[in-house]
Amino acid sequence: VGSSSSSSEMQPHFYKNIVVTGGNCLFPGFRERVHRDVRALAPTEFPVSVLLPPNPVSYAWEGGKLLADNPDYDEMVVTREDYEENGHFICEDTFDV
């Protein structure tokens, strides 16, 4: 989802919290290119930060594992059944958006 489709108060947070993951981000200069391209598109008043974690190939999986192991996981997610029954409103209620 592009940051321009998010609420205006959330956009600065998205621009300064970009994390690149996966094997392709190991190409030389990848993080710098993403930073340069995003900086060219972002409003000048928003800071842009692009993080390349030390383990980018497994970083997303490790984050998902931490989330799934969280004891509060069931309260942090919307199930397919909940969504099909309540539509997007369940996301607004659950995530306070």
PDB file of N, CA and C in Angstrom:
ATOM      1  N   VAL A   1       0.857  -1.171   0.000  1.00  0.00           N
ATOM      2  CA  VAL A   1       0.000   0.000   0.000  1.00  0.00           C
ATOM      3  C   VAL A   1       0.901   1.232   0.000  1.00  0.00           C
ATOM      4  N   GLY A   2       0.632   2.130  -0.886  1.00  0.00           N
ATOM      5  CA  GLY A   2       1.424   3.352  -0.935  1.00  0.00           C
ATOM      6  C   GLY A   2       1.118   4.265   0.217  1.00  0.00           C
ATOM      7  N   SER A   3       2.109   5.058   0.616  1.00  0.00           N
ATOM      8  CA  SER A   3       1.889   5.941   1.762  1.00  0.00           C
ATOM      9  C   SER A   3       0.875   7.027   1.449  1.00  0.00           C
ATOM     10  N   SER A   4       0.688   7.374   0.179  1.00  0.00           N
ATOM     11  CA  SER A   4      -0.265   8.430  -0.162  1.00  0.00           C
ATOM     12  C   SER A   4      -1.705   7.988   0.071  1.00  0.00           C
ATOM     13  N   SER A   5      -1.945   6.666   0.176  1.00  0.00           N
ATOM     14  CA  SER A   5      -3.304   6.193   0.442  1.00  0.00           C
ATOM     15  C   SER A   5      -3.589   6.093   1.935  1.00  0.00           C
ATOM     16  N   SER A   6      -2.594   6.382   2.776  1.00  0.00           N
ATOM     17  CA  SER A   6      -2.789   6.345   4.223  1.00  0.00           C
ATOM     18  C   SER A   6      -3.181   7.729   4.732  1.00  0.00           C
ATOM     19  N   SER A   7      -3.595   7.771   5.997  1.00  0.00           N
ATOM     20  CA  SER A   7      -3.991   9.059   6.556  1.00  0.00           C
ATOM     21  C   SER A   7      -2.791   9.998   6.600  1.00  0.00           C
ATOM     22  N   SER A   8      -3.056  11.275   6.489  1.00  0.00           N
ATOM     23  CA  SER A   8      -1.967  12.259   6.435  1.00  0.00           C
ATOM     24  C   SER A   8      -1.148  12.274   7.718  1.00  0.00           C
ATOM     25  N   GLU A   9      -1.762  11.958   8.845  1.00  0.00           N
ATOM     26  CA  GLU A   9      -0.991  11.956  10.088  1.00  0.00           C
ATOM     27  C   GLU A   9      -0.071  10.741  10.199  1.00  0.00           C
ATOM     28  N   MET A  10      -0.344   9.676   9.456  1.00  0.00           N
ATOM     29  CA  MET A  10       0.500   8.481   9.496  1.00  0.00           C
ATOM     30  C   MET A  10       1.635   8.519   8.475  1.00  0.00           C
ATOM     31  N   GLN A  11       1.505   9.308   7.418  1.00  0.00           N
ATOM     32  CA  GLN A  11       2.501   9.308   6.349  1.00  0.00           C
ATOM     33  C   GLN A  11       3.926   9.557   6.831  1.00  0.00           C
ATOM     34  N   PRO A  12       4.186  10.534   7.701  1.00  0.00           N
ATOM     35  CA  PRO A  12       5.574  10.739   8.137  1.00  0.00           C
ATOM     36  C   PRO A  12       6.172   9.503   8.813  1.00  0.00           C
ATOM     37  N   HIS A  13       5.350   8.762   9.540  1.00  0.00           N
ATOM     38  CA  HIS A  13       5.826   7.564  10.224  1.00  0.00           C
ATOM     39  C   HIS A  13       6.231   6.482   9.225  1.00  0.00           C
ATOM     40  N   PHE A  14       5.481   6.360   8.145  1.00  0.00           N
ATOM     41  CA  PHE A  14       5.824   5.361   7.121  1.00  0.00           C
ATOM     42  C   PHE A  14       7.142   5.708   6.447  1.00  0.00           C
ATOM     43  N   TYR A  15       7.335   6.960   6.116  1.00  0.00           N
ATOM     44  CA  TYR A  15       8.560   7.367   5.422  1.00  0.00           C
ATOM     45  C   TYR A  15       9.811   7.173   6.280  1.00  0.00           C
ATOM     46  N   LYS A  16       9.694   7.306   7.583  1.00  0.00           N
ATOM     47  CA  LYS A  16      10.896   7.179   8.410  1.00  0.00           C
ATOM     48  C   LYS A  16      11.042   5.793   9.030  1.00  0.00           C
ATOM     49  N   ASN A  17      10.227   4.837   8.599  1.00  0.00           N
ATOM     50  CA  ASN A  17      10.297   3.472   9.132  1.00  0.00           C
ATOM     51  C   ASN A  17      10.252   2.428   8.025  1.00  0.00           C
ATOM     52  N   ILE A  18      11.045   2.604   6.994  1.00  0.00           N
ATOM     53  CA  ILE A  18      11.098   1.658   5.884  1.00  0.00           C
ATOM     54  C   ILE A  18      12.173   0.616   6.191  1.00  0.00           C
ATOM     55  N   VAL A  19      11.808  -0.650   6.076  1.00  0.00           N
ATOM     56  CA  VAL A  19      12.752  -1.747   6.287  1.00  0.00           C
ATOM     57  C   VAL A  19      12.753  -2.590   5.012  1.00  0.00           C
ATOM     58  N   VAL A  20      13.930  -2.769   4.419  1.00  0.00           N
ATOM     59  CA  VAL A  20      14.028  -3.607   3.219  1.00  0.00           C
ATOM     60  C   VAL A  20      14.440  -5.008   3.653  1.00  0.00           C
ATOM     61  N   THR A  21      13.749  -6.008   3.102  1.00  0.00           N
ATOM     62  CA  THR A  21      14.017  -7.398   3.456  1.00  0.00           C
ATOM     63  C   THR A  21      14.051  -8.261   2.209  1.00  0.00           C
ATOM     64  N   GLY A  22      14.570  -9.457   2.378  1.00  0.00           N
ATOM     65  CA  GLY A  22      14.640 -10.405   1.274  1.00  0.00           C
ATOM     66  C   GLY A  22      16.015 -10.395   0.625  1.00  0.00           C
ATOM     67  N   GLY A  23      16.251 -11.393  -0.173  1.00  0.00           N
ATOM     68  CA  GLY A  23      17.558 -11.556  -0.799  1.00  0.00           C
ATOM     69  C   GLY A  23      17.950 -10.440  -1.750  1.00  0.00           C
ATOM     70  N   ASN A  24      16.991  -9.854  -2.456  1.00  0.00           N
ATOM     71  CA  ASN A  24      17.329  -8.807  -3.424  1.00  0.00           C
ATOM     72  C   ASN A  24      17.929  -7.567  -2.784  1.00  0.00           C
ATOM     73  N   CYS A  25      17.614  -7.325  -1.523  1.00  0.00           N
ATOM     74  CA  CYS A  25      18.162  -6.118  -0.891  1.00  0.00           C
ATOM     75  C   CYS A  25      19.645  -6.274  -0.570  1.00  0.00           C
ATOM     76  N   LEU A  26      20.208  -7.444  -0.831  1.00  0.00           N
ATOM     77  CA  LEU A  26      21.647  -7.649  -0.662  1.00  0.00           C
ATOM     78  C   LEU A  26      22.450  -7.173  -1.872  1.00  0.00           C
ATOM     79  N   PHE A  27      21.767  -6.820  -2.952  1.00  0.00           N
ATOM     80  CA  PHE A  27      22.484  -6.252  -4.102  1.00  0.00           C
ATOM     81  C   PHE A  27      23.193  -4.978  -3.672  1.00  0.00           C
ATOM     82  N   PRO A  28      24.419  -4.771  -4.128  1.00  0.00           N
ATOM     83  CA  PRO A  28      25.146  -3.557  -3.746  1.00  0.00           C
ATOM     84  C   PRO A  28      24.356  -2.293  -4.109  1.00  0.00           C
ATOM     85  N   GLY A  29      24.243  -1.381  -3.152  1.00  0.00           N
ATOM     86  CA  GLY A  29      23.585  -0.105  -3.388  1.00  0.00           C
ATOM     87  C   GLY A  29      22.068  -0.138  -3.319  1.00  0.00           C
ATOM     88  N   PHE A  30      21.470  -1.297  -3.001  1.00  0.00           N
ATOM     89  CA  PHE A  30      20.010  -1.411  -3.001  1.00  0.00           C
ATOM     90  C   PHE A  30      19.368  -0.463  -1.983  1.00  0.00           C
ATOM     91  N   ARG A  31      19.843  -0.499  -0.732  1.00  0.00           N
ATOM     92  CA  ARG A  31      19.267   0.359   0.302  1.00  0.00           C
ATOM     93  C   ARG A  31      19.388   1.827  -0.083  1.00  0.00           C
ATOM     94  N   GLU A  32      20.529   2.214  -0.607  1.00  0.00           N
ATOM     95  CA  GLU A  32      20.751   3.601  -1.004  1.00  0.00           C
ATOM     96  C   GLU A  32      19.819   4.003  -2.142  1.00  0.00           C
ATOM     97  N   ARG A  33      19.603   3.093  -3.070  1.00  0.00           N
ATOM     98  CA  ARG A  33      18.703   3.395  -4.197  1.00  0.00           C
ATOM     99  C   ARG A  33      17.267   3.566  -3.709  1.00  0.00           C
ATOM    100  N   VAL A  34      16.825   2.681  -2.830  1.00  0.00           N
ATOM    101  CA  VAL A  34      15.470   2.816  -2.281  1.00  0.00           C
ATOM    102  C   VAL A  34      15.347   4.152  -1.554  1.00  0.00           C
ATOM    103  N   HIS A  35      16.347   4.491  -0.758  1.00  0.00           N
ATOM    104  CA  HIS A  35      16.319   5.766  -0.031  1.00  0.00           C
ATOM    105  C   HIS A  35      16.232   6.935  -1.010  1.00  0.00           C
ATOM    106  N   ARG A  36      17.057   6.917  -2.029  1.00  0.00           N
ATOM    107  CA  ARG A  36      17.067   8.012  -3.013  1.00  0.00           C
ATOM    108  C   ARG A  36      15.719   8.118  -3.734  1.00  0.00           C
ATOM    109  N   ASP A  37      15.168   6.970  -4.135  1.00  0.00           N
ATOM    110  CA  ASP A  37      13.890   6.978  -4.862  1.00  0.00           C
ATOM    111  C   ASP A  37      12.738   7.442  -3.976  1.00  0.00           C
ATOM    112  N   VAL A  38      12.706   6.971  -2.731  1.00  0.00           N
ATOM    113  CA  VAL A  38      11.643   7.388  -1.819  1.00  0.00           C
ATOM    114  C   VAL A  38      11.804   8.866  -1.477  1.00  0.00           C
ATOM    115  N   ARG A  39      13.028   9.284  -1.245  1.00  0.00           N
ATOM    116  CA  ARG A  39      13.288  10.706  -0.921  1.00  0.00           C
ATOM    117  C   ARG A  39      12.783  11.604  -2.046  1.00  0.00           C
ATOM    118  N   ALA A  40      12.934  11.166  -3.291  1.00  0.00           N
ATOM    119  CA  ALA A  40      12.474  11.961  -4.429  1.00  0.00           C
ATOM    120  C   ALA A  40      10.947  12.063  -4.475  1.00  0.00           C
ATOM    121  N   LEU A  41      10.252  11.072  -3.912  1.00  0.00           N
ATOM    122  CA  LEU A  41       8.788  11.050  -3.945  1.00  0.00           C
ATOM    123  C   LEU A  41       8.144  11.640  -2.691  1.00  0.00           C
ATOM    124  N   ALA A  42       8.864  11.622  -1.585  1.00  0.00           N
ATOM    125  CA  ALA A  42       8.299  12.049  -0.305  1.00  0.00           C
ATOM    126  C   ALA A  42       8.263  13.568  -0.205  1.00  0.00           C
ATOM    127  N   PRO A  43       7.284  14.105   0.506  1.00  0.00           N
ATOM    128  CA  PRO A  43       7.282  15.544   0.782  1.00  0.00           C
ATOM    129  C   PRO A  43       8.583  15.930   1.492  1.00  0.00           C
ATOM    130  N   THR A  44       9.116  17.082   1.171  1.00  0.00           N
ATOM    131  CA  THR A  44      10.422  17.485   1.700  1.00  0.00           C
ATOM    132  C   THR A  44      10.444  17.619   3.217  1.00  0.00           C
ATOM    133  N   GLU A  45       9.291  17.880   3.825  1.00  0.00           N
ATOM    134  CA  GLU A  45       9.268  18.047   5.285  1.00  0.00           C
ATOM    135  C   GLU A  45       9.281  16.715   6.038  1.00  0.00           C
ATOM    136  N   PHE A  46       9.151  15.594   5.333  1.00  0.00           N
ATOM    137  CA  PHE A  46       9.143  14.287   5.984  1.00  0.00           C
ATOM    138  C   PHE A  46      10.535  13.674   5.957  1.00  0.00           C
ATOM    139  N   PRO A  47      11.050  13.226   7.102  1.00  0.00           N
ATOM    140  CA  PRO A  47      12.322  12.502   7.085  1.00  0.00           C
ATOM    141  C   PRO A  47      12.120  11.121   6.462  1.00  0.00           C
ATOM    142  N   VAL A  48      13.133  10.643   5.771  1.00  0.00           N
ATOM    143  CA  VAL A  48      13.092   9.318   5.148  1.00  0.00           C
ATOM    144  C   VAL A  48      14.223   8.490   5.741  1.00  0.00           C
ATOM    145  N   SER A  49      13.897   7.301   6.189  1.00  0.00           N
ATOM    146  CA  SER A  49      14.892   6.375   6.723  1.00  0.00           C
ATOM    147  C   SER A  49      14.629   4.997   6.138  1.00  0.00           C
ATOM    148  N   VAL A  50      15.677   4.375   5.604  1.00  0.00           N
ATOM    149  CA  VAL A  50      15.572   3.030   5.040  1.00  0.00           C
ATOM    150  C   VAL A  50      16.569   2.147   5.772  1.00  0.00           C
ATOM    151  N   LEU A  51      16.073   1.149   6.483  1.00  0.00           N
ATOM    152  CA  LEU A  51      16.902   0.254   7.272  1.00  0.00           C
ATOM    153  C   LEU A  51      17.147  -1.045   6.511  1.00  0.00           C
ATOM    154  N   LEU A  52      18.395  -1.459   6.467  1.00  0.00           N
ATOM    155  CA  LEU A  52      18.773  -2.776   5.963  1.00  0.00           C
ATOM    156  C   LEU A  52      19.224  -3.580   7.178  1.00  0.00           C
ATOM    157  N   PRO A  53      18.391  -4.509   7.653  1.00  0.00           N
ATOM    158  CA  PRO A  53      18.765  -5.257   8.852  1.00  0.00           C
ATOM    159  C   PRO A  53      19.955  -6.173   8.580  1.00  0.00           C
ATOM    160  N   PRO A  54      20.641  -6.609   9.637  1.00  0.00           N
ATOM    161  CA  PRO A  54      21.804  -7.468   9.425  1.00  0.00           C
ATOM    162  C   PRO A  54      21.461  -8.827   8.820  1.00  0.00           C
ATOM    163  N   ASN A  55      20.224  -9.268   8.964  1.00  0.00           N
ATOM    164  CA  ASN A  55      19.788 -10.563   8.449  1.00  0.00           C
ATOM    165  C   ASN A  55      18.564 -10.395   7.539  1.00  0.00           C
ATOM    166  N   PRO A  56      18.688  -9.683   6.428  1.00  0.00           N
ATOM    167  CA  PRO A  56      17.501  -9.329   5.641  1.00  0.00           C
ATOM    168  C   PRO A  56      16.766 -10.513   5.023  1.00  0.00           C
ATOM    169  N   VAL A  57      17.433 -11.609   4.781  1.00  0.00           N
ATOM    170  CA  VAL A  57      16.782 -12.746   4.137  1.00  0.00           C
ATOM    171  C   VAL A  57      15.740 -13.370   5.066  1.00  0.00           C
ATOM    172  N   SER A  58      16.025 -13.437   6.351  1.00  0.00           N
ATOM    173  CA  SER A  58      15.097 -14.072   7.281  1.00  0.00           C
ATOM    174  C   SER A  58      14.382 -13.083   8.202  1.00  0.00           C
ATOM    175  N   TYR A  59      14.613 -11.803   8.027  1.00  0.00           N
ATOM    176  CA  TYR A  59      14.092 -10.779   8.936  1.00  0.00           C
ATOM    177  C   TYR A  59      12.560 -10.794   9.024  1.00  0.00           C
ATOM    178  N   ALA A  60      11.881 -10.862   7.915  1.00  0.00           N
ATOM    179  CA  ALA A  60      10.416 -10.854   7.926  1.00  0.00           C
ATOM    180  C   ALA A  60       9.881 -12.114   8.611  1.00  0.00           C
ATOM    181  N   TRP A  61      10.485 -13.251   8.342  1.00  0.00           N
ATOM    182  CA  TRP A  61      10.053 -14.497   8.975  1.00  0.00           C
ATOM    183  C   TRP A  61      10.252 -14.422  10.482  1.00  0.00           C
ATOM    184  N   GLU A  62      11.404 -13.913  10.921  1.00  0.00           N
ATOM    185  CA  GLU A  62      11.686 -13.806  12.350  1.00  0.00           C
ATOM    186  C   GLU A  62      10.690 -12.870  13.035  1.00  0.00           C
ATOM    187  N   GLY A  63      10.329 -11.778  12.370  1.00  0.00           N
ATOM    188  CA  GLY A  63       9.324 -10.870  12.930  1.00  0.00           C
ATOM    189  C   GLY A  63       7.973 -11.540  13.053  1.00  0.00           C
ATOM    190  N   GLY A  64       7.582 -12.301  12.039  1.00  0.00           N
ATOM    191  CA  GLY A  64       6.319 -13.036  12.097  1.00  0.00           C
ATOM    192  C   GLY A  64       6.318 -14.077  13.207  1.00  0.00           C
ATOM    193  N   LYS A  65       7.453 -14.720  13.388  1.00  0.00           N
ATOM    194  CA  LYS A  65       7.573 -15.715  14.463  1.00  0.00           C
ATOM    195  C   LYS A  65       7.424 -15.050  15.831  1.00  0.00           C
ATOM    196  N   LEU A  66       8.066 -13.900  16.023  1.00  0.00           N
ATOM    197  CA  LEU A  66       7.926 -13.185  17.294  1.00  0.00           C
ATOM    198  C   LEU A  66       6.475 -12.783  17.545  1.00  0.00           C
ATOM    199  N   LEU A  67       5.808 -12.311  16.499  1.00  0.00           N
ATOM    200  CA  LEU A  67       4.414 -11.922  16.635  1.00  0.00           C
ATOM    201  C   LEU A  67       3.543 -13.126  16.988  1.00  0.00           C
ATOM    202  N   ALA A  68       3.748 -14.236  16.289  1.00  0.00           N
ATOM    203  CA  ALA A  68       2.941 -15.434  16.543  1.00  0.00           C
ATOM    204  C   ALA A  68       3.181 -15.990  17.939  1.00  0.00           C
ATOM    205  N   ASP A  69       4.380 -15.807  18.478  1.00  0.00           N
ATOM    206  CA  ASP A  69       4.701 -16.297  19.824  1.00  0.00           C
ATOM    207  C   ASP A  69       4.201 -15.367  20.926  1.00  0.00           C
ATOM    208  N   ASN A  70       3.732 -14.178  20.561  1.00  0.00           N
ATOM    209  CA  ASN A  70       3.260 -13.211  21.547  1.00  0.00           C
ATOM    210  C   ASN A  70       1.995 -13.746  22.218  1.00  0.00           C
ATOM    211  N   PRO A  71       1.939 -13.748  23.559  1.00  0.00           N
ATOM    212  CA  PRO A  71       0.740 -14.254  24.236  1.00  0.00           C
ATOM    213  C   PRO A  71      -0.532 -13.469  23.915  1.00  0.00           C
ATOM    214  N   ASP A  72      -0.392 -12.225  23.460  1.00  0.00           N
ATOM    215  CA  ASP A  72      -1.557 -11.405  23.122  1.00  0.00           C
ATOM    216  C   ASP A  72      -1.925 -11.497  21.636  1.00  0.00           C
ATOM    217  N   TYR A  73      -1.354 -12.458  20.929  1.00  0.00           N
ATOM    218  CA  TYR A  73      -1.542 -12.567  19.481  1.00  0.00           C
ATOM    219  C   TYR A  73      -3.020 -12.572  19.083  1.00  0.00           C
ATOM    220  N   ASP A  74      -3.825 -13.365  19.777  1.00  0.00           N
ATOM    221  CA  ASP A  74      -5.238 -13.486  19.394  1.00  0.00           C
ATOM    222  C   ASP A  74      -5.984 -12.160  19.458  1.00  0.00           C
ATOM    223  N   GLU A  75      -5.533 -11.242  20.315  1.00  0.00           N
ATOM    224  CA  GLU A  75      -6.179  -9.934  20.396  1.00  0.00           C
ATOM    225  C   GLU A  75      -5.606  -8.940  19.391  1.00  0.00           C
ATOM    226  N   MET A  76      -4.511  -9.317  18.733  1.00  0.00           N
ATOM    227  CA  MET A  76      -3.824  -8.408  17.810  1.00  0.00           C
ATOM    228  C   MET A  76      -4.195  -8.640  16.350  1.00  0.00           C
ATOM    229  N   VAL A  77      -5.006  -9.646  16.066  1.00  0.00           N
ATOM    230  CA  VAL A  77      -5.298 -10.002  14.683  1.00  0.00           C
ATOM    231  C   VAL A  77      -6.796 -10.000  14.419  1.00  0.00           C
ATOM    232  N   VAL A  78      -7.137  -9.939  13.149  1.00  0.00           N
ATOM    233  CA  VAL A  78      -8.513 -10.078  12.701  1.00  0.00           C
ATOM    234  C   VAL A  78      -8.571 -11.348  11.866  1.00  0.00           C
ATOM    235  N   THR A  79      -9.426 -12.260  12.247  1.00  0.00           N
ATOM    236  CA  THR A  79      -9.535 -13.506  11.496  1.00  0.00           C
ATOM    237  C   THR A  79     -10.334 -13.287  10.215  1.00  0.00           C
ATOM    238  N   ARG A  80     -10.180 -14.212   9.304  1.00  0.00           N
ATOM    239  CA  ARG A  80     -10.951 -14.146   8.059  1.00  0.00           C
ATOM    240  C   ARG A  80     -12.446 -14.174   8.372  1.00  0.00           C
ATOM    241  N   GLU A  81     -12.823 -15.027   9.313  1.00  0.00           N
ATOM    242  CA  GLU A  81     -14.238 -15.139   9.682  1.00  0.00           C
ATOM    243  C   GLU A  81     -14.777 -13.815  10.222  1.00  0.00           C
ATOM    244  N   ASP A  82     -13.984 -13.170  11.106  1.00  0.00           N
ATOM    245  CA  ASP A  82     -14.403 -11.865  11.635  1.00  0.00           C
ATOM    246  C   ASP A  82     -14.562 -10.850  10.509  1.00  0.00           C
ATOM    247  N   TYR A  83     -13.590 -10.854   9.579  1.00  0.00           N
ATOM    248  CA  TYR A  83     -13.637  -9.886   8.483  1.00  0.00           C
ATOM    249  C   TYR A  83     -14.833 -10.149   7.578  1.00  0.00           C
ATOM    250  N   GLU A  84     -15.070 -11.416   7.253  1.00  0.00           N
ATOM    251  CA  GLU A  84     -16.200 -11.736   6.371  1.00  0.00           C
ATOM    252  C   GLU A  84     -17.532 -11.400   7.025  1.00  0.00           C
ATOM    253  N   GLU A  85     -17.591 -11.516   8.341  1.00  0.00           N
ATOM    254  CA  GLU A  85     -18.836 -11.214   9.050  1.00  0.00           C
ATOM    255  C   GLU A  85     -19.042  -9.710   9.241  1.00  0.00           C
ATOM    256  N   ASN A  86     -17.952  -8.950   9.491  1.00  0.00           N
ATOM    257  CA  ASN A  86     -18.077  -7.537   9.850  1.00  0.00           C
ATOM    258  C   ASN A  86     -17.522  -6.560   8.822  1.00  0.00           C
ATOM    259  N   GLY A  87     -16.820  -7.049   7.807  1.00  0.00           N
ATOM    260  CA  GLY A  87     -16.223  -6.162   6.812  1.00  0.00           C
ATOM    261  C   GLY A  87     -15.073  -5.356   7.387  1.00  0.00           C
ATOM    262  N   HIS A  88     -14.704  -4.286   6.703  1.00  0.00           N
ATOM    263  CA  HIS A  88     -13.555  -3.482   7.115  1.00  0.00           C
ATOM    264  C   HIS A  88     -13.758  -2.806   8.470  1.00  0.00           C
ATOM    265  N   PHE A  89     -14.979  -2.743   8.933  1.00  0.00           N
ATOM    266  CA  PHE A  89     -15.249  -2.098  10.220  1.00  0.00           C
ATOM    267  C   PHE A  89     -14.541  -2.820  11.366  1.00  0.00           C
ATOM    268  N   ILE A  90     -14.380  -4.142  11.257  1.00  0.00           N
ATOM    269  CA  ILE A  90     -13.701  -4.885  12.321  1.00  0.00           C
ATOM    270  C   ILE A  90     -12.237  -4.450  12.430  1.00  0.00           C
ATOM    271  N   CYS A  91     -11.621  -4.097  11.301  1.00  0.00           N
ATOM    272  CA  CYS A  91     -10.238  -3.612  11.323  1.00  0.00           C
ATOM    273  C   CYS A  91     -10.157  -2.247  11.991  1.00  0.00           C
ATOM    274  N   GLU A  92     -11.105  -1.398  11.688  1.00  0.00           N
ATOM    275  CA  GLU A  92     -11.128  -0.063  12.308  1.00  0.00           C
ATOM    276  C   GLU A  92     -11.280  -0.182  13.819  1.00  0.00           C
ATOM    277  N   ASP A  93     -12.149  -1.087  14.259  1.00  0.00           N
ATOM    278  CA  ASP A  93     -12.357  -1.272  15.696  1.00  0.00           C
ATOM    279  C   ASP A  93     -11.149  -1.918  16.363  1.00  0.00           C
ATOM    280  N   THR A  94     -10.617  -2.963  15.743  1.00  0.00           N
ATOM    281  CA  THR A  94      -9.504  -3.706  16.336  1.00  0.00           C
ATOM    282  C   THR A  94      -8.229  -2.869  16.395  1.00  0.00           C
ATOM    283  N   PHE A  95      -7.960  -2.127  15.321  1.00  0.00           N
ATOM    284  CA  PHE A  95      -6.694  -1.396  15.221  1.00  0.00           C
ATOM    285  C   PHE A  95      -6.839   0.091  15.513  1.00  0.00           C
ATOM    286  N   ASP A  96      -8.026   0.500  15.935  1.00  0.00           N
ATOM    287  CA  ASP A  96      -8.281   1.897  16.328  1.00  0.00           C
ATOM    288  C   ASP A  96      -7.855   2.893  15.250  1.00  0.00           C
ATOM    289  N   VAL A  97      -8.337   2.633  14.029  1.00  0.00           N
ATOM    290  CA  VAL A  97      -8.033   3.559  12.913  1.00  0.00           C
ATOM    291  C   VAL A  97      -9.291   4.208  12.411  1.00  0.00           C
TER     292      VAL A  97
END
